[in-house]
């Protein structure tokens, strides 16, 4: 049986590199395209064919697409910082929508008709619902989420006019690291709570800033649904197999359906460390939502799927282990 060829954009990034590792373990031929604006060459699996280029570079991407007949594309490439998107909305519109659109039209021209797209739960915005399902209204409150929604809408439209199949994955808060410590979060400017807390725990930062403690939540801090990056990689693998078997277009939430506040995460880290990490209360961040928890019934029922790492302790332990070895990478 011939190995399937999968193209992964943003495969030198945090989530993309985890997915590449898993797909290679599962026996797929993987090609990675990454501009290395935010990714790192060190995270790319040596068994993958790796091209350093921007997804919107028509000529270079065309050459890659001609070289191999790709069965499915996983599109991770893009920018993800909410705080930066508020300061630079045009940049986010360019990277997350315009460049993605150029790339995908290039794929269509080369008869690639199956795509898995990395989207975000932040496009649900501020909601009063305890858990958010895929049927919930989308109300993005920051340019990052708006840029992702714009590409989602484009994808849905194109699928109808060009007979394409897509899976849109709306990530909740992705955290943790690979158990084999091959990959994890490397950003020096991360705004991810668990990443920043682990940097404080390992002495890389002096203090953790809690962005607002006056939210309408039990302890006043925002609540998030954290999913382990390895479970998210598994979700991508399952979706790739499904599309390869000519499955229908779908939108899925990616989370665990349980929320933790900022203080609950800090307390969990303190318990693991058996000491308290220093923190102080800072102002709220623009574009932050109060509470966001996934309703995960659709994906779990659709594929009879159970996560393997559904534990805040597991997430934090792997993130801490990664942070400790990061200097050596």
Protein backbone atom coordinates (compact mmCIF):
# COMPACT_ATOMS: atom_id res chain seq x y z
CA UNK A 1 0.00 0.00 0.00
CA UNK A 2 1.37 3.39 -1.01
CA UNK A 3 2.11 5.85 1.75
CA UNK A 4 -0.10 8.94 1.67
CA UNK A 5 1.55 12.33 1.10
CA UNK A 6 0.59 15.06 3.54
CA UNK A 7 1.62 18.71 3.32
CA UNK A 8 1.90 20.59 6.62
CA UNK A 9 2.24 24.38 6.64
CA UNK A 10 3.65 25.83 9.86
CA UNK A 11 5.20 22.45 10.69
CA UNK A 12 8.10 24.16 12.50
CA UNK A 13 5.68 25.66 15.01
CA UNK A 14 4.39 24.41 18.36
CA UNK A 15 1.27 22.49 17.30
CA UNK A 16 2.40 21.76 13.73
CA UNK A 17 5.61 20.04 14.88
CA UNK A 18 3.69 17.78 17.28
CA UNK A 19 1.32 16.76 14.49
CA UNK A 20 4.24 16.11 12.10
CA UNK A 21 5.91 13.81 14.67
CA UNK A 22 2.71 11.80 15.11
CA UNK A 23 1.95 11.52 11.38
CA UNK A 24 5.49 10.29 10.68
CA UNK A 25 5.10 7.69 13.47
CA UNK A 26 1.86 6.59 11.77
CA UNK A 27 3.69 6.02 8.47
CA UNK A 28 2.78 9.06 6.35
CA UNK A 29 5.13 10.92 3.98
CA UNK A 30 5.31 14.45 5.38
CA UNK A 31 6.38 17.66 3.69
CA UNK A 32 6.70 20.80 5.81
CA UNK A 33 6.53 24.40 4.60
CA UNK A 34 7.44 27.05 7.17
CA UNK A 35 8.79 30.59 6.84
CA UNK A 36 10.39 30.33 10.33
CA UNK A 37 8.97 33.74 11.32
CA UNK A 38 7.73 32.17 14.57
CA UNK A 39 8.74 28.51 14.10
CA UNK A 40 12.08 26.81 14.70
CA UNK A 41 14.06 24.51 12.42
CA UNK A 42 14.99 22.48 15.53
CA UNK A 43 11.38 21.36 15.99
CA UNK A 44 11.04 19.87 12.49
CA UNK A 45 11.23 16.08 12.39
CA UNK A 46 14.31 14.99 10.40
CA UNK A 47 12.22 12.50 8.43
CA UNK A 48 10.05 15.27 6.95
CA UNK A 49 10.91 17.03 3.68
CA UNK A 50 11.38 20.62 4.82
CA UNK A 51 11.09 23.80 2.73
CA UNK A 52 11.71 27.25 4.18
CA UNK A 53 9.29 29.51 2.39
CA UNK A 54 6.22 31.67 2.85
CA UNK A 55 2.90 30.02 2.02
CA UNK A 56 2.02 33.00 -0.17
CA UNK A 57 5.13 32.55 -2.35
CA UNK A 58 3.27 31.25 -5.42
CA UNK A 59 6.33 30.13 -7.39
CA UNK A 60 8.08 28.23 -4.60
CA UNK A 61 4.88 26.62 -3.31
CA UNK A 62 3.86 25.69 -6.88
CA UNK A 63 7.15 23.82 -7.34
CA UNK A 64 6.53 21.87 -4.12
CA UNK A 65 2.93 21.08 -5.09
CA UNK A 66 4.00 19.89 -8.56
CA UNK A 67 6.76 17.71 -7.16
CA UNK A 68 4.39 15.57 -5.09
CA UNK A 69 0.76 14.67 -5.34
CA UNK A 70 -0.50 15.66 -1.89
CA UNK A 71 -3.53 13.79 -0.59
CA UNK A 72 -4.36 16.28 2.15
CA UNK A 73 -3.08 19.62 3.47
CA UNK A 74 -2.87 20.62 7.14
CA UNK A 75 -2.72 24.40 7.36
CA UNK A 76 -1.22 25.68 10.63
CA UNK A 77 0.74 28.64 9.26
CA UNK A 78 -0.38 31.96 10.74
CA UNK A 79 -0.03 34.38 13.64
CA UNK A 80 -1.68 33.71 17.00
CA UNK A 81 -1.09 36.52 19.51
CA UNK A 82 -4.29 38.32 20.51
CA UNK A 83 -2.37 41.24 22.10
CA UNK A 84 -0.28 41.79 18.94
CA UNK A 85 -3.36 41.54 16.70
CA UNK A 86 -4.98 44.46 18.53
CA UNK A 87 -1.89 46.62 17.87
CA UNK A 88 -1.39 45.33 14.30
CA UNK A 89 -4.77 44.27 12.85
CA UNK A 90 -3.63 44.70 9.22
CA UNK A 91 -0.70 42.34 9.79
CA UNK A 92 -3.08 39.65 11.10
CA UNK A 93 -5.47 40.12 8.21
CA UNK A 94 -2.51 39.75 5.82
CA UNK A 95 -1.00 36.62 7.42
CA UNK A 96 -4.11 34.77 8.54
CA UNK A 97 -6.41 35.59 5.65
CA UNK A 98 -4.73 37.00 2.54
CA UNK A 99 -1.66 34.73 2.57
CA UNK A 100 -3.76 31.68 3.48
CA UNK A 101 -6.11 32.49 0.60
CA UNK A 102 -3.20 32.74 -1.89
CA UNK A 103 -1.85 29.43 -0.61
CA UNK A 104 -5.16 27.61 -0.78
CA UNK A 105 -5.95 28.86 -4.29
CA UNK A 106 -2.54 27.51 -5.30
CA UNK A 107 -3.57 24.13 -3.80
CA UNK A 108 -6.86 24.18 -5.74
CA UNK A 109 -4.94 24.89 -8.97
CA UNK A 110 -2.90 21.75 -8.27
CA UNK A 111 -6.03 19.69 -7.65
CA UNK A 112 -5.59 19.37 -3.88
CA UNK A 113 -9.11 19.17 -2.53
CA UNK A 114 -8.75 18.23 1.14
CA UNK A 115 -7.69 20.62 3.89
CA UNK A 116 -7.58 20.68 7.67
CA UNK A 117 -7.52 24.23 8.99
CA UNK A 118 -6.28 25.44 12.39
CA UNK A 119 -8.87 27.83 13.72
CA UNK A 120 -9.62 29.17 17.17
CA UNK A 121 -12.30 29.11 19.84
CA UNK A 122 -11.70 32.82 20.37
CA UNK A 123 -14.02 33.51 17.43
CA UNK A 124 -16.93 32.66 19.76
CA UNK A 125 -16.10 35.85 21.68
CA UNK A 126 -17.70 36.62 25.05
CA UNK A 127 -20.53 34.23 25.65
CA UNK A 128 -22.90 33.70 28.54
CA UNK A 129 -23.16 29.97 27.79
CA UNK A 130 -21.39 27.59 30.16
CA UNK A 131 -20.12 25.47 27.27
CA UNK A 132 -19.81 26.44 23.63
CA UNK A 133 -20.83 24.10 20.83
CA UNK A 134 -20.01 24.40 17.12
CA UNK A 135 -23.57 25.62 16.57
CA UNK A 136 -23.02 28.67 18.77
CA UNK A 137 -23.03 32.08 17.19
CA UNK A 138 -19.56 33.44 16.39
CA UNK A 139 -18.79 36.94 17.71
CA UNK A 140 -15.03 37.56 17.46
CA UNK A 141 -13.84 40.45 19.65
CA UNK A 142 -10.23 40.78 18.45
CA UNK A 143 -8.49 41.01 15.04
CA UNK A 144 -6.82 37.61 15.49
CA UNK A 145 -10.19 35.84 15.81
CA UNK A 146 -11.71 37.97 13.02
CA UNK A 147 -8.90 36.98 10.63
CA UNK A 148 -9.43 33.29 11.39
CA UNK A 149 -13.19 33.56 10.92
CA UNK A 150 -12.67 35.31 7.58
CA UNK A 151 -10.64 32.36 6.31
CA UNK A 152 -13.17 29.87 7.69
CA UNK A 153 -15.94 31.62 5.74
CA UNK A 154 -13.79 31.64 2.60
CA UNK A 155 -13.12 27.91 2.99
CA UNK A 156 -16.82 27.06 3.38
CA UNK A 157 -17.66 29.13 0.28
CA UNK A 158 -14.88 27.55 -1.81
CA UNK A 159 -15.88 24.05 -0.76
CA UNK A 160 -19.32 24.60 -2.29
CA UNK A 161 -18.07 26.04 -5.58
CA UNK A 162 -15.08 23.68 -6.05
CA UNK A 163 -16.26 20.41 -4.47
CA UNK A 164 -13.63 20.56 -1.72
CA UNK A 165 -13.59 18.79 1.63
CA UNK A 166 -12.43 20.58 4.76
CA UNK A 167 -12.21 20.11 8.49
CA UNK A 168 -12.04 23.24 10.59
CA UNK A 169 -10.63 22.66 14.07
CA UNK A 170 -11.41 25.36 16.62
CA UNK A 171 -8.71 25.11 19.28
CA UNK A 172 -9.36 26.06 22.86
CA UNK A 173 -6.24 26.67 24.99
CA UNK A 174 -3.44 24.37 23.83
CA UNK A 175 -0.75 23.62 26.40
CA UNK A 176 1.82 21.05 27.50
CA UNK A 177 4.60 19.39 25.53
CA UNK A 178 5.58 16.14 23.86
CA UNK A 179 6.30 13.40 26.43
CA UNK A 180 9.47 12.46 24.52
CA UNK A 181 10.47 16.15 24.76
CA UNK A 182 10.93 16.51 21.01
CA UNK A 183 8.77 19.61 20.86
CA UNK A 184 7.04 22.26 22.95
CA UNK A 185 6.41 25.99 23.11
CA UNK A 186 9.53 27.99 22.27
CA UNK A 187 8.25 31.55 21.90
CA UNK A 188 10.19 34.16 23.86
CA UNK A 189 7.15 36.43 23.77
CA UNK A 190 4.52 33.91 24.76
CA UNK A 191 1.27 35.04 26.31
CA UNK A 192 0.17 31.45 27.14
CA UNK A 193 -0.49 31.26 30.89
CA UNK A 194 1.02 27.80 31.45
CA UNK A 195 4.12 28.60 29.37
CA UNK A 196 4.70 31.90 31.22
CA UNK A 197 4.08 30.26 34.62
CA UNK A 198 6.63 27.54 33.76
CA UNK A 199 9.15 30.24 32.80
CA UNK A 200 8.63 31.80 36.25
CA UNK A 201 8.93 28.36 37.87
CA UNK A 202 12.29 27.74 36.15
CA UNK A 203 13.66 31.22 36.90
CA UNK A 204 13.46 32.56 33.33
CA UNK A 205 10.98 35.25 34.37
CA UNK A 206 10.85 36.98 37.74
CA UNK A 207 7.10 37.22 38.13
CA UNK A 208 3.81 36.15 36.59
CA UNK A 209 1.38 38.95 35.75
CA UNK A 210 -2.26 37.98 36.26
CA UNK A 211 -4.15 40.03 33.68
CA UNK A 212 -7.19 41.13 35.63
CA UNK A 213 -8.82 39.72 38.77
CA UNK A 214 -12.16 41.53 38.49
CA UNK A 215 -13.92 39.25 36.00
CA UNK A 216 -17.36 37.84 36.74
CA UNK A 217 -15.99 34.39 37.64
CA UNK A 218 -15.79 32.59 41.03
CA UNK A 219 -12.28 33.89 41.82
CA UNK A 220 -12.28 36.94 39.53
CA UNK A 221 -9.80 35.55 36.99
CA UNK A 222 -10.59 34.34 33.43
CA UNK A 223 -11.50 30.68 32.89
CA UNK A 224 -10.06 28.61 30.05
CA UNK A 225 -10.40 25.07 28.71
CA UNK A 226 -6.88 23.62 28.35
CA UNK A 227 -6.15 20.76 25.93
CA UNK A 228 -2.85 18.85 25.87
CA UNK A 229 -1.00 19.39 22.59
CA UNK A 230 -0.52 15.61 22.17
CA UNK A 231 -4.28 15.04 22.27
CA UNK A 232 -4.69 17.85 19.75
CA UNK A 233 -2.13 16.11 17.50
CA UNK A 234 -4.20 12.93 17.80
CA UNK A 235 -7.31 14.87 16.72
CA UNK A 236 -5.47 16.00 13.56
CA UNK A 237 -4.37 12.44 12.80
CA UNK A 238 -7.97 11.18 13.17
CA UNK A 239 -9.27 13.99 10.93
CA UNK A 240 -6.60 13.34 8.29
CA UNK A 241 -7.58 9.63 8.17
CA UNK A 242 -11.23 10.63 7.90
CA UNK A 243 -10.63 13.02 4.98
CA UNK A 244 -8.43 10.47 3.23
CA UNK A 245 -11.43 8.11 3.32
CA UNK A 246 -13.53 10.84 1.64
CA UNK A 247 -15.27 12.01 4.80
CA UNK A 248 -17.57 15.01 4.67
CA UNK A 249 -16.65 18.60 5.60
CA UNK A 250 -16.92 19.28 9.35
CA UNK A 251 -16.25 21.86 12.05
CA UNK A 252 -15.07 20.58 15.44
CA UNK A 253 -14.21 22.12 18.80
CA UNK A 254 -10.93 20.93 20.33
CA UNK A 255 -10.97 21.01 24.12
CA UNK A 256 -11.84 18.87 27.14
CA UNK A 257 -15.06 20.55 28.26
CA UNK A 258 -13.64 21.64 31.62
CA UNK A 259 -12.47 25.11 32.58
CA UNK A 260 -9.75 26.31 34.96
CA UNK A 261 -9.26 29.85 36.22
CA UNK A 262 -5.85 31.57 36.24
CA UNK A 263 -5.62 31.13 40.01
CA UNK A 264 -6.52 27.42 39.73
CA UNK A 265 -3.66 26.96 37.24
CA UNK A 266 -1.24 28.82 39.55
CA UNK A 267 -2.34 26.67 42.51
CA UNK A 268 -1.87 23.47 40.46
CA UNK A 269 1.69 24.56 39.56
CA UNK A 270 2.44 25.43 43.19
CA UNK A 271 1.25 21.98 44.26
CA UNK A 272 3.54 20.26 41.72
CA UNK A 273 6.53 22.45 42.66
CA UNK A 274 5.75 22.31 46.42
CA UNK A 275 6.43 26.05 46.52
CA UNK A 276 4.68 29.22 45.44
CA UNK A 277 5.57 31.03 42.25
CA UNK A 278 5.52 34.84 42.53
CA UNK A 279 2.69 36.71 40.82
CA UNK A 280 1.06 40.10 40.85
CA UNK A 281 -2.25 41.41 39.57
CA UNK A 282 -2.00 43.52 36.42
CA UNK A 283 -4.61 45.24 34.25
CA UNK A 284 -6.97 43.31 31.99
CA UNK A 285 -5.73 42.66 28.45
CA UNK A 286 -7.70 44.03 25.51
CA UNK A 287 -9.43 41.27 23.57
CA UNK A 288 -9.49 38.74 26.42
CA UNK A 289 -12.74 36.88 26.97
CA UNK A 290 -14.04 36.13 30.47
CA UNK A 291 -14.74 32.42 30.17
CA UNK A 292 -14.54 29.88 27.37
CA UNK A 293 -15.18 26.16 27.74
CA UNK A 294 -15.75 23.71 24.89
CA UNK A 295 -18.73 21.51 24.35
CA UNK A 296 -16.79 18.56 22.91
CA UNK A 297 -19.69 16.15 22.34
CA UNK A 298 -19.63 16.45 18.55
CA UNK A 299 -16.03 15.28 17.99
CA UNK A 300 -16.09 12.71 20.80
CA UNK A 301 -19.28 11.08 19.47
CA UNK A 302 -18.34 11.40 15.79
CA UNK A 303 -15.11 9.43 16.26
CA UNK A 304 -15.79 7.63 19.59
CA UNK A 305 -12.71 9.46 20.84
CA UNK A 306 -11.35 9.70 24.36
CA UNK A 307 -8.40 11.97 25.19
CA UNK A 308 -5.32 10.35 26.71
CA UNK A 309 -3.98 13.41 28.56
CA UNK A 310 -7.08 14.98 30.08
CA UNK A 311 -5.43 16.26 33.25
CA UNK A 312 -4.15 19.70 34.23
CA UNK A 313 -1.37 17.97 36.17
CA UNK A 314 -0.18 16.08 33.04
CA UNK A 315 -0.30 19.28 30.99
CA UNK A 316 1.75 21.24 33.56
CA UNK A 317 4.26 18.42 34.17
CA UNK A 318 5.09 18.09 30.47
CA UNK A 319 5.27 21.89 30.06
CA UNK A 320 7.66 22.12 33.05
CA UNK A 321 9.84 19.27 31.74
CA UNK A 322 10.06 21.00 28.36
CA UNK A 323 10.93 24.36 29.94
CA UNK A 324 13.78 22.74 31.87
CA UNK A 325 15.42 21.27 28.76
CA UNK A 326 14.67 24.20 26.47
CA UNK A 327 18.03 25.90 27.02
CA UNK A 328 19.74 22.80 25.61
CA UNK A 329 17.65 22.79 22.41
